[in-house]
Amino acid sequence: MNGRRDDDWDDIFNDMYDEFGLDMRKINKEIARFWESIMKDDSNSKIMGPYVYGFSYKVGPDGKPVFQEFGNVPRNSIGQRNDTQEGYREPLTDLNEDKENVYITYELPGVDKKDIDLIVNENNIELKVDKGSRKYYKNIEFNTGVDIDSVIAKFTNGVLDITIKKLNSKSGGKAVRID
């Protein structure tokens, strides 16, 4: 035995999480409540397992923590979400931007390039894959207008990387060719 008690380790980890601005007790309670609501017999839920749910954490450009959820779990029990469709998984997505561009990365394991439908307009980007058991859907609203003629999309080893120049254009949507 090294002389440390479990309470000592809890204090060390709580101090570390506090530095990130995270209340791990609250997060753990939310996750437990979330899974309890999923496991209940909910006649409104038509999604049958396996359930996929996760979140990514990063520090935003303003220095504040940013959490992004992904998965195929019904969201009605923890709040309405309009960016997923029934029967589809939400892919792990990373969204970044600088002064000139918006950068989006989707993780789409097991998907072929030809199976990806990607539509971009000045206000949003919509990704949809409907191939057998691989069904992904994600709709992202932009905070600023984008130049739909500047879209660059590259798909390599299950990862789709997109770069779009920011611009306030007034054109309609455009289907995007993926290289």
C-alpha atoms as a PDB file:
ATOM      1  CA  MET A   1       0.000   0.000   0.000  1.00  0.00           C
ATOM      2  CA  ASN A   2       1.356   3.407  -0.891  1.00  0.00           C
ATOM      3  CA  GLY A   3      -0.250   5.246   2.018  1.00  0.00           C
ATOM      4  CA  ARG A   4      -2.773   7.204  -0.076  1.00  0.00           C
ATOM      5  CA  ARG A   5      -6.470   6.870   0.618  1.00  0.00           C
ATOM      6  CA  ASP A   6      -9.180   6.975  -2.049  1.00  0.00           C
ATOM      7  CA  ASP A   7     -10.250  10.366  -0.688  1.00  0.00           C
ATOM      8  CA  ASP A   8      -6.755  11.711  -1.409  1.00  0.00           C
ATOM      9  CA  TRP A   9      -7.009  10.585  -5.030  1.00  0.00           C
ATOM     10  CA  ASP A  10     -10.491  12.115  -5.294  1.00  0.00           C
ATOM     11  CA  ASP A  11      -9.066  15.426  -4.064  1.00  0.00           C
ATOM     12  CA  ILE A  12      -6.225  15.309  -6.595  1.00  0.00           C
ATOM     13  CA  PHE A  13      -8.571  14.587  -9.521  1.00  0.00           C
ATOM     14  CA  ASN A  14     -11.168  17.109  -8.349  1.00  0.00           C
ATOM     15  CA  ASP A  15      -8.455  19.798  -8.207  1.00  0.00           C
ATOM     16  CA  MET A  16      -7.350  18.861 -11.727  1.00  0.00           C
ATOM     17  CA  TYR A  17     -10.920  18.996 -13.085  1.00  0.00           C
ATOM     18  CA  ASP A  18     -11.520  22.308 -11.303  1.00  0.00           C
ATOM     19  CA  GLU A  19      -8.595  23.768 -13.251  1.00  0.00           C
ATOM     20  CA  PHE A  20     -10.443  22.846 -16.470  1.00  0.00           C
ATOM     21  CA  GLY A  21     -13.662  24.357 -15.131  1.00  0.00           C
ATOM     22  CA  LEU A  22     -15.349  20.942 -14.923  1.00  0.00           C
ATOM     23  CA  ASP A  23     -17.650  19.688 -12.178  1.00  0.00           C
ATOM     24  CA  MET A  24     -17.138  15.943 -12.615  1.00  0.00           C
ATOM     25  CA  ARG A  25     -19.731  15.027  -9.994  1.00  0.00           C
ATOM     26  CA  LYS A  26     -22.359  16.949 -11.948  1.00  0.00           C
ATOM     27  CA  ILE A  27     -21.207  15.444 -15.250  1.00  0.00           C
ATOM     28  CA  ASN A  28     -21.323  11.906 -13.807  1.00  0.00           C
ATOM     29  CA  LYS A  29     -24.831  12.506 -12.414  1.00  0.00           C
ATOM     30  CA  GLU A  30     -26.007  13.818 -15.803  1.00  0.00           C
ATOM     31  CA  ILE A  31     -24.559  10.790 -17.613  1.00  0.00           C
ATOM     32  CA  ALA A  32     -26.162   8.373 -15.125  1.00  0.00           C
ATOM     33  CA  ARG A  33     -29.555  10.115 -15.432  1.00  0.00           C
ATOM     34  CA  PHE A  34     -29.224  10.132 -19.212  1.00  0.00           C
ATOM     35  CA  TRP A  35     -28.556   6.372 -19.428  1.00  0.00           C
ATOM     36  CA  GLU A  36     -31.353   5.613 -16.948  1.00  0.00           C
ATOM     37  CA  SER A  37     -33.796   7.462 -19.199  1.00  0.00           C
ATOM     38  CA  ILE A  38     -32.505   5.555 -22.243  1.00  0.00           C
ATOM     39  CA  MET A  39     -32.835   2.168 -20.570  1.00  0.00           C
ATOM     40  CA  LYS A  40     -36.471   2.772 -19.545  1.00  0.00           C
ATOM     41  CA  ASP A  41     -39.133   1.237 -21.753  1.00  0.00           C
ATOM     42  CA  ASP A  42     -39.910   4.338 -23.810  1.00  0.00           C
ATOM     43  CA  SER A  43     -42.628   3.745 -26.407  1.00  0.00           C
ATOM     44  CA  ASN A  44     -41.694   7.044 -28.119  1.00  0.00           C
ATOM     45  CA  SER A  45     -38.153   5.823 -28.839  1.00  0.00           C
ATOM     46  CA  LYS A  46     -37.821   3.836 -32.060  1.00  0.00           C
ATOM     47  CA  ILE A  47     -34.050   3.524 -31.997  1.00  0.00           C
ATOM     48  CA  MET A  48     -32.971   0.043 -31.069  1.00  0.00           C
ATOM     49  CA  GLY A  49     -29.444  -0.636 -29.856  1.00  0.00           C
ATOM     50  CA  PRO A  50     -26.631  -0.505 -30.069  1.00  0.00           C
ATOM     51  CA  TYR A  51     -26.679   2.939 -28.573  1.00  0.00           C
ATOM     52  CA  VAL A  52     -23.786   5.245 -29.327  1.00  0.00           C
ATOM     53  CA  TYR A  53     -23.208   8.352 -27.253  1.00  0.00           C
ATOM     54  CA  GLY A  54     -20.169  10.403 -26.527  1.00  0.00           C
ATOM     55  CA  PHE A  55     -18.766  13.855 -26.337  1.00  0.00           C
ATOM     56  CA  SER A  56     -15.568  15.602 -27.232  1.00  0.00           C
ATOM     57  CA  TYR A  57     -13.935  18.314 -25.191  1.00  0.00           C
ATOM     58  CA  LYS A  58     -11.653  21.085 -26.366  1.00  0.00           C
ATOM     59  CA  VAL A  59     -10.773  24.638 -25.458  1.00  0.00           C
ATOM     60  CA  GLY A  60     -12.407  27.178 -27.753  1.00  0.00           C
ATOM     61  CA  PRO A  61     -10.698  30.246 -29.251  1.00  0.00           C
ATOM     62  CA  ASP A  62     -12.015  32.314 -26.345  1.00  0.00           C
ATOM     63  CA  GLY A  63     -10.288  30.001 -23.846  1.00  0.00           C
ATOM     64  CA  LYS A  64     -13.556  28.479 -22.604  1.00  0.00           C
ATOM     65  CA  PRO A  65     -14.297  24.736 -22.655  1.00  0.00           C
ATOM     66  CA  VAL A  66     -16.454  23.459 -25.528  1.00  0.00           C
ATOM     67  CA  PHE A  67     -18.317  20.131 -25.396  1.00  0.00           C
ATOM     68  CA  GLN A  68     -19.809  18.513 -28.498  1.00  0.00           C
ATOM     69  CA  GLU A  69     -22.117  15.500 -28.297  1.00  0.00           C
ATOM     70  CA  PHE A  70     -22.393  12.744 -30.884  1.00  0.00           C
ATOM     71  CA  GLY A  71     -24.224   9.440 -31.289  1.00  0.00           C
ATOM     72  CA  ASN A  72     -27.627   7.964 -32.085  1.00  0.00           C
ATOM     73  CA  VAL A  73     -29.310   8.243 -28.699  1.00  0.00           C
ATOM     74  CA  PRO A  74     -32.732   9.950 -28.576  1.00  0.00           C
ATOM     75  CA  ARG A  75     -32.303  13.452 -27.182  1.00  0.00           C
ATOM     76  CA  ASN A  76     -35.890  14.183 -26.083  1.00  0.00           C
ATOM     77  CA  SER A  77     -35.196  13.016 -22.536  1.00  0.00           C
ATOM     78  CA  ILE A  78     -32.376  15.535 -22.063  1.00  0.00           C
ATOM     79  CA  GLY A  79     -33.462  18.289 -24.431  1.00  0.00           C
ATOM     80  CA  GLN A  80     -34.601  18.746 -28.012  1.00  0.00           C
ATOM     81  CA  ARG A  81     -32.010  18.542 -30.779  1.00  0.00           C
ATOM     82  CA  ASN A  82     -32.867  19.321 -34.388  1.00  0.00           C
ATOM     83  CA  ASP A  83     -29.589  18.251 -35.979  1.00  0.00           C
ATOM     84  CA  THR A  84     -30.159  14.477 -36.001  1.00  0.00           C
ATOM     85  CA  GLN A  85     -32.689  12.216 -37.725  1.00  0.00           C
ATOM     86  CA  GLU A  86     -34.353   9.104 -36.376  1.00  0.00           C
ATOM     87  CA  GLY A  87     -32.421   5.933 -37.110  1.00  0.00           C
ATOM     88  CA  TYR A  88     -29.165   7.751 -37.847  1.00  0.00           C
ATOM     89  CA  ARG A  89     -26.022   8.140 -35.778  1.00  0.00           C
ATOM     90  CA  GLU A  90     -24.475  11.516 -35.324  1.00  0.00           C
ATOM     91  CA  PRO A  91     -20.820  11.274 -36.368  1.00  0.00           C
ATOM     92  CA  LEU A  92     -18.046  12.592 -34.174  1.00  0.00           C
ATOM     93  CA  THR A  93     -17.565  16.086 -35.563  1.00  0.00           C
ATOM     94  CA  ASP A  94     -14.935  18.734 -34.971  1.00  0.00           C
ATOM     95  CA  LEU A  95     -15.766  22.314 -35.935  1.00  0.00           C
ATOM     96  CA  ASN A  96     -13.137  25.069 -35.938  1.00  0.00           C
ATOM     97  CA  GLU A  97     -12.855  28.455 -37.543  1.00  0.00           C
ATOM     98  CA  ASP A  98     -10.488  31.333 -37.986  1.00  0.00           C
ATOM     99  CA  LYS A  99     -11.005  34.804 -39.487  1.00  0.00           C
ATOM    100  CA  GLU A 100     -11.189  33.474 -43.035  1.00  0.00           C
ATOM    101  CA  ASN A 101     -12.405  29.847 -42.963  1.00  0.00           C
ATOM    102  CA  VAL A 102     -14.635  27.287 -41.294  1.00  0.00           C
ATOM    103  CA  TYR A 103     -13.051  23.833 -40.848  1.00  0.00           C
ATOM    104  CA  ILE A 104     -15.174  20.736 -40.260  1.00  0.00           C
ATOM    105  CA  THR A 105     -13.974  17.176 -39.692  1.00  0.00           C
ATOM    106  CA  TYR A 106     -16.375  14.224 -39.615  1.00  0.00           C
ATOM    107  CA  GLU A 107     -15.342  10.735 -38.526  1.00  0.00           C
ATOM    108  CA  LEU A 108     -17.210   8.242 -40.724  1.00  0.00           C
ATOM    109  CA  PRO A 109     -15.784   4.760 -40.116  1.00  0.00           C
ATOM    110  CA  GLY A 110     -16.788   2.056 -42.581  1.00  0.00           C
ATOM    111  CA  VAL A 111     -18.114   4.518 -45.172  1.00  0.00           C
ATOM    112  CA  ASP A 112     -17.145   4.865 -48.846  1.00  0.00           C
ATOM    113  CA  LYS A 113     -16.780   8.303 -50.412  1.00  0.00           C
ATOM    114  CA  LYS A 114     -19.548   7.554 -52.931  1.00  0.00           C
ATOM    115  CA  ASP A 115     -22.055   6.987 -50.102  1.00  0.00           C
ATOM    116  CA  ILE A 116     -21.695  10.499 -48.628  1.00  0.00           C
ATOM    117  CA  ASP A 117     -24.269  13.169 -49.464  1.00  0.00           C
ATOM    118  CA  LEU A 118     -22.974  16.611 -48.534  1.00  0.00           C
ATOM    119  CA  ILE A 119     -25.005  19.767 -49.128  1.00  0.00           C
ATOM    120  CA  VAL A 120     -23.707  23.232 -48.243  1.00  0.00           C
ATOM    121  CA  ASN A 121     -25.579  26.497 -48.390  1.00  0.00           C
ATOM    122  CA  GLU A 122     -24.783  29.898 -46.923  1.00  0.00           C
ATOM    123  CA  ASN A 123     -26.368  29.064 -43.564  1.00  0.00           C
ATOM    124  CA  ASN A 124     -25.614  25.402 -42.931  1.00  0.00           C
ATOM    125  CA  ILE A 125     -23.965  22.157 -43.987  1.00  0.00           C
ATOM    126  CA  GLU A 126     -25.835  18.854 -44.043  1.00  0.00           C
ATOM    127  CA  LEU A 127     -24.107  15.463 -44.115  1.00  0.00           C
ATOM    128  CA  LYS A 128     -26.024  12.250 -44.708  1.00  0.00           C
ATOM    129  CA  VAL A 129     -24.865   8.654 -45.201  1.00  0.00           C
ATOM    130  CA  ASP A 130     -27.451   5.912 -45.695  1.00  0.00           C
ATOM    131  CA  LYS A 131     -25.611   2.702 -46.555  1.00  0.00           C
ATOM    132  CA  GLY A 132     -26.766  -0.509 -44.873  1.00  0.00           C
ATOM    133  CA  SER A 133     -25.977  -0.373 -41.173  1.00  0.00           C
ATOM    134  CA  ARG A 134     -23.842   2.757 -41.660  1.00  0.00           C
ATOM    135  CA  LYS A 135     -26.282   5.613 -41.254  1.00  0.00           C
ATOM    136  CA  TYR A 136     -24.956   9.019 -40.261  1.00  0.00           C
ATOM    137  CA  TYR A 137     -26.623  12.402 -40.217  1.00  0.00           C
ATOM    138  CA  LYS A 138     -25.457  15.817 -39.043  1.00  0.00           C
ATOM    139  CA  ASN A 139     -26.707  19.325 -39.782  1.00  0.00           C
ATOM    140  CA  ILE A 140     -24.539  22.261 -38.662  1.00  0.00           C
ATOM    141  CA  GLU A 141     -25.762  25.849 -38.677  1.00  0.00           C
ATOM    142  CA  PHE A 142     -23.050  28.431 -39.423  1.00  0.00           C
ATOM    143  CA  ASN A 143     -22.570  31.521 -37.260  1.00  0.00           C
ATOM    144  CA  THR A 144     -21.607  33.489 -40.362  1.00  0.00           C
ATOM    145  CA  GLY A 145     -22.311  33.220 -44.079  1.00  0.00           C
ATOM    146  CA  VAL A 146     -19.972  31.090 -46.182  1.00  0.00           C
ATOM    147  CA  ASP A 147     -18.890  31.076 -49.822  1.00  0.00           C
ATOM    148  CA  ILE A 148     -20.425  27.849 -51.147  1.00  0.00           C
ATOM    149  CA  ASP A 149     -18.177  27.985 -54.238  1.00  0.00           C
ATOM    150  CA  SER A 150     -15.063  27.734 -52.049  1.00  0.00           C
ATOM    151  CA  VAL A 151     -15.858  24.368 -50.428  1.00  0.00           C
ATOM    152  CA  ILE A 152     -12.995  21.879 -50.388  1.00  0.00           C
ATOM    153  CA  ALA A 153     -13.894  18.359 -49.186  1.00  0.00           C
ATOM    154  CA  LYS A 154     -11.368  15.511 -48.843  1.00  0.00           C
ATOM    155  CA  PHE A 155     -12.156  12.007 -47.639  1.00  0.00           C
ATOM    156  CA  THR A 156      -9.320   9.767 -46.436  1.00  0.00           C
ATOM    157  CA  ASN A 157      -9.482   6.614 -44.302  1.00  0.00           C
ATOM    158  CA  GLY A 158     -12.957   7.323 -42.915  1.00  0.00           C
ATOM    159  CA  VAL A 159     -12.266  10.997 -42.140  1.00  0.00           C
ATOM    160  CA  LEU A 160     -13.975  13.779 -44.100  1.00  0.00           C
ATOM    161  CA  ASP A 161     -12.201  17.160 -43.886  1.00  0.00           C
ATOM    162  CA  ILE A 162     -13.987  20.267 -45.167  1.00  0.00           C
ATOM    163  CA  THR A 163     -12.743  23.834 -45.555  1.00  0.00           C
ATOM    164  CA  ILE A 164     -15.150  26.663 -46.421  1.00  0.00           C
ATOM    165  CA  LYS A 165     -14.319  30.359 -46.802  1.00  0.00           C
ATOM    166  CA  LYS A 166     -16.427  32.744 -44.772  1.00  0.00           C
ATOM    167  CA  LEU A 167     -18.535  35.152 -46.795  1.00  0.00           C
ATOM    168  CA  ASN A 168     -21.985  36.700 -46.689  1.00  0.00           C
ATOM    169  CA  SER A 169     -23.342  35.435 -50.018  1.00  0.00           C
ATOM    170  CA  LYS A 170     -27.015  35.164 -50.981  1.00  0.00           C
ATOM    171  CA  SER A 171     -26.899  32.097 -53.247  1.00  0.00           C
ATOM    172  CA  GLY A 172     -28.754  28.801 -52.806  1.00  0.00           C
ATOM    173  CA  GLY A 173     -27.373  25.446 -51.727  1.00  0.00           C
ATOM    174  CA  LYS A 174     -24.831  23.457 -53.699  1.00  0.00           C
ATOM    175  CA  ALA A 175     -24.007  19.744 -53.854  1.00  0.00           C
ATOM    176  CA  VAL A 176     -20.336  19.190 -53.037  1.00  0.00           C
ATOM    177  CA  ARG A 177     -18.000  16.814 -54.865  1.00  0.00           C
ATOM    178  CA  ILE A 178     -15.769  14.893 -52.454  1.00  0.00           C
ATOM    179  CA  ASP A 179     -12.176  14.123 -53.514  1.00  0.00           C
END
